[in-house]
Amino acid sequence: MYAVIRRYDGVTDSAEAGRRVDEGFVPLLRRVPGFVAYYWVDAGGGVMVSTSVFEDRTGAEESIRRAADFVRDNLAPLLPNAPQVTAGPVVAAG
């Protein structure tokens, strides 16, 4: 498995960002080959974190492209700062 974690700082409206992600981005992500799971977390203080899990690196890399497009087209006013993106193979899971 392969995971991608994105941290967004400076989120202006976490509830609206969550709604848009749930209604718009999650359905797009589920269609990426190798999709396993996705989580969008409100960490408080204007910070939101997403975690995507895929069967392989190819799916994870596609998710990075789709996320960048979705944020640009649908979330830019709510997520004004570029995310910190971390990706890599899953080496332990529970």
C-alpha atoms as a PDB file:
ATOM      1  CA  MET A   1       0.000   0.000   0.000  1.00  0.00           C
ATOM      2  CA  TYR A   2       0.976   3.623  -0.511  1.00  0.00           C
ATOM      3  CA  ALA A   3      -0.261   6.663   1.436  1.00  0.00           C
ATOM      4  CA  VAL A   4      -0.428  10.394   0.816  1.00  0.00           C
ATOM      5  CA  ILE A   5      -0.846  12.892   3.652  1.00  0.00           C
ATOM      6  CA  ARG A   6      -1.668  16.533   2.943  1.00  0.00           C
ATOM      7  CA  ARG A   7      -1.615  19.215   5.641  1.00  0.00           C
ATOM      8  CA  TYR A   8      -3.447  22.466   4.939  1.00  0.00           C
ATOM      9  CA  ASP A   9      -2.744  25.481   7.179  1.00  0.00           C
ATOM     10  CA  GLY A  10      -4.788  28.688   7.252  1.00  0.00           C
ATOM     11  CA  VAL A  11      -8.136  27.075   6.407  1.00  0.00           C
ATOM     12  CA  THR A  12     -10.749  29.834   6.497  1.00  0.00           C
ATOM     13  CA  ASP A  13     -13.920  27.702   6.894  1.00  0.00           C
ATOM     14  CA  SER A  14     -13.368  24.092   7.927  1.00  0.00           C
ATOM     15  CA  ALA A  15     -17.059  23.129   7.814  1.00  0.00           C
ATOM     16  CA  GLU A  16     -17.485  24.368   4.237  1.00  0.00           C
ATOM     17  CA  ALA A  17     -14.180  22.795   3.178  1.00  0.00           C
ATOM     18  CA  GLY A  18     -15.333  19.486   4.653  1.00  0.00           C
ATOM     19  CA  ARG A  19     -18.663  19.685   2.837  1.00  0.00           C
ATOM     20  CA  ARG A  20     -17.007  20.408  -0.516  1.00  0.00           C
ATOM     21  CA  VAL A  21     -14.459  17.635  -0.050  1.00  0.00           C
ATOM     22  CA  ASP A  22     -17.140  15.118   0.956  1.00  0.00           C
ATOM     23  CA  GLU A  23     -19.527  16.003  -1.864  1.00  0.00           C
ATOM     24  CA  GLY A  24     -17.035  16.719  -4.647  1.00  0.00           C
ATOM     25  CA  PHE A  25     -13.577  15.315  -4.070  1.00  0.00           C
ATOM     26  CA  VAL A  26     -14.294  11.996  -2.358  1.00  0.00           C
ATOM     27  CA  PRO A  27     -16.388  10.697  -5.287  1.00  0.00           C
ATOM     28  CA  LEU A  28     -13.550  11.615  -7.690  1.00  0.00           C
ATOM     29  CA  LEU A  29     -10.964   9.921  -5.525  1.00  0.00           C
ATOM     30  CA  ARG A  30     -12.968   6.700  -5.211  1.00  0.00           C
ATOM     31  CA  ARG A  31     -12.672   6.286  -8.990  1.00  0.00           C
ATOM     32  CA  VAL A  32      -8.865   6.281  -8.912  1.00  0.00           C
ATOM     33  CA  PRO A  33      -7.609   2.719  -9.551  1.00  0.00           C
ATOM     34  CA  GLY A  34      -6.265   1.135  -6.383  1.00  0.00           C
ATOM     35  CA  PHE A  35      -8.227   3.385  -3.999  1.00  0.00           C
ATOM     36  CA  VAL A  36      -8.376   1.952  -0.457  1.00  0.00           C
ATOM     37  CA  ALA A  37      -9.391   4.755   1.928  1.00  0.00           C
ATOM     38  CA  TYR A  38      -9.592   8.525   2.411  1.00  0.00           C
ATOM     39  CA  TYR A  39      -9.892  10.651   5.559  1.00  0.00           C
ATOM     40  CA  TRP A  40     -10.334  14.435   5.897  1.00  0.00           C
ATOM     41  CA  VAL A  41      -9.594  15.615   9.435  1.00  0.00           C
ATOM     42  CA  ASP A  42     -10.283  18.968  11.092  1.00  0.00           C
ATOM     43  CA  ALA A  43      -7.249  19.311  13.365  1.00  0.00           C
ATOM     44  CA  GLY A  44      -8.455  22.670  14.720  1.00  0.00           C
ATOM     45  CA  GLY A  45      -6.812  26.053  14.608  1.00  0.00           C
ATOM     46  CA  GLY A  46      -7.259  26.396  10.851  1.00  0.00           C
ATOM     47  CA  VAL A  47      -5.472  23.124  10.115  1.00  0.00           C
ATOM     48  CA  MET A  48      -6.961  20.282   8.088  1.00  0.00           C
ATOM     49  CA  VAL A  49      -5.220  17.053   7.178  1.00  0.00           C
ATOM     50  CA  SER A  50      -6.111  14.472   4.552  1.00  0.00           C
ATOM     51  CA  THR A  51      -4.878  10.911   4.346  1.00  0.00           C
ATOM     52  CA  SER A  52      -5.314   8.847   1.192  1.00  0.00           C
ATOM     53  CA  VAL A  53      -4.399   5.176   0.933  1.00  0.00           C
ATOM     54  CA  PHE A  54      -3.951   3.280  -2.319  1.00  0.00           C
ATOM     55  CA  GLU A  55      -2.846  -0.181  -3.322  1.00  0.00           C
ATOM     56  CA  ASP A  56       0.167   1.240  -5.156  1.00  0.00           C
ATOM     57  CA  ARG A  57       2.195   4.345  -5.922  1.00  0.00           C
ATOM     58  CA  THR A  58       0.467   4.943  -9.262  1.00  0.00           C
ATOM     59  CA  GLY A  59      -2.902   5.520  -7.605  1.00  0.00           C
ATOM     60  CA  ALA A  60      -1.363   7.719  -4.934  1.00  0.00           C
ATOM     61  CA  GLU A  61       0.357   9.890  -7.533  1.00  0.00           C
ATOM     62  CA  GLU A  62      -2.914  10.249  -9.439  1.00  0.00           C
ATOM     63  CA  SER A  63      -4.591  11.362  -6.214  1.00  0.00           C
ATOM     64  CA  ILE A  64      -1.975  14.100  -5.790  1.00  0.00           C
ATOM     65  CA  ARG A  65      -2.803  15.433  -9.261  1.00  0.00           C
ATOM     66  CA  ARG A  66      -6.548  15.249  -8.674  1.00  0.00           C
ATOM     67  CA  ALA A  67      -6.270  16.927  -5.279  1.00  0.00           C
ATOM     68  CA  ALA A  68      -4.265  19.826  -6.703  1.00  0.00           C
ATOM     69  CA  ASP A  69      -6.844  20.327  -9.473  1.00  0.00           C
ATOM     70  CA  PHE A  70      -9.789  20.072  -7.077  1.00  0.00           C
ATOM     71  CA  VAL A  71      -8.321  22.524  -4.597  1.00  0.00           C
ATOM     72  CA  ARG A  72      -7.489  24.998  -7.363  1.00  0.00           C
ATOM     73  CA  ASP A  73     -10.955  24.751  -8.915  1.00  0.00           C
ATOM     74  CA  ASN A  74     -13.150  24.366  -5.808  1.00  0.00           C
ATOM     75  CA  LEU A  75     -11.363  25.212  -2.577  1.00  0.00           C
ATOM     76  CA  ALA A  76      -8.854  27.994  -3.260  1.00  0.00           C
ATOM     77  CA  PRO A  77     -10.674  30.643  -1.161  1.00  0.00           C
ATOM     78  CA  LEU A  78     -10.970  28.219   1.769  1.00  0.00           C
ATOM     79  CA  LEU A  79      -7.470  26.724   1.542  1.00  0.00           C
ATOM     80  CA  PRO A  80      -5.318  29.767   0.739  1.00  0.00           C
ATOM     81  CA  ASN A  81      -1.952  28.106   1.407  1.00  0.00           C
ATOM     82  CA  ALA A  82      -0.290  25.308  -0.535  1.00  0.00           C
ATOM     83  CA  PRO A  83      -0.403  22.023   1.360  1.00  0.00           C
ATOM     84  CA  GLN A  84       2.532  20.181   2.793  1.00  0.00           C
ATOM     85  CA  VAL A  85       2.414  16.829   0.960  1.00  0.00           C
ATOM     86  CA  THR A  86       4.049  13.677   2.285  1.00  0.00           C
ATOM     87  CA  ALA A  87       3.828  10.362   0.428  1.00  0.00           C
ATOM     88  CA  GLY A  88       5.374   6.942   0.762  1.00  0.00           C
ATOM     89  CA  PRO A  89       4.882   3.216   1.111  1.00  0.00           C
ATOM     90  CA  VAL A  90       2.924   1.967   4.101  1.00  0.00           C
ATOM     91  CA  VAL A  91       5.327  -0.116   6.188  1.00  0.00           C
ATOM     92  CA  ALA A  92       2.983  -0.970   9.085  1.00  0.00           C
ATOM     93  CA  ALA A  93      -0.790  -0.943   9.469  1.00  0.00           C
ATOM     94  CA  GLY A  94      -3.327  -1.871  12.080  1.00  0.00           C
END
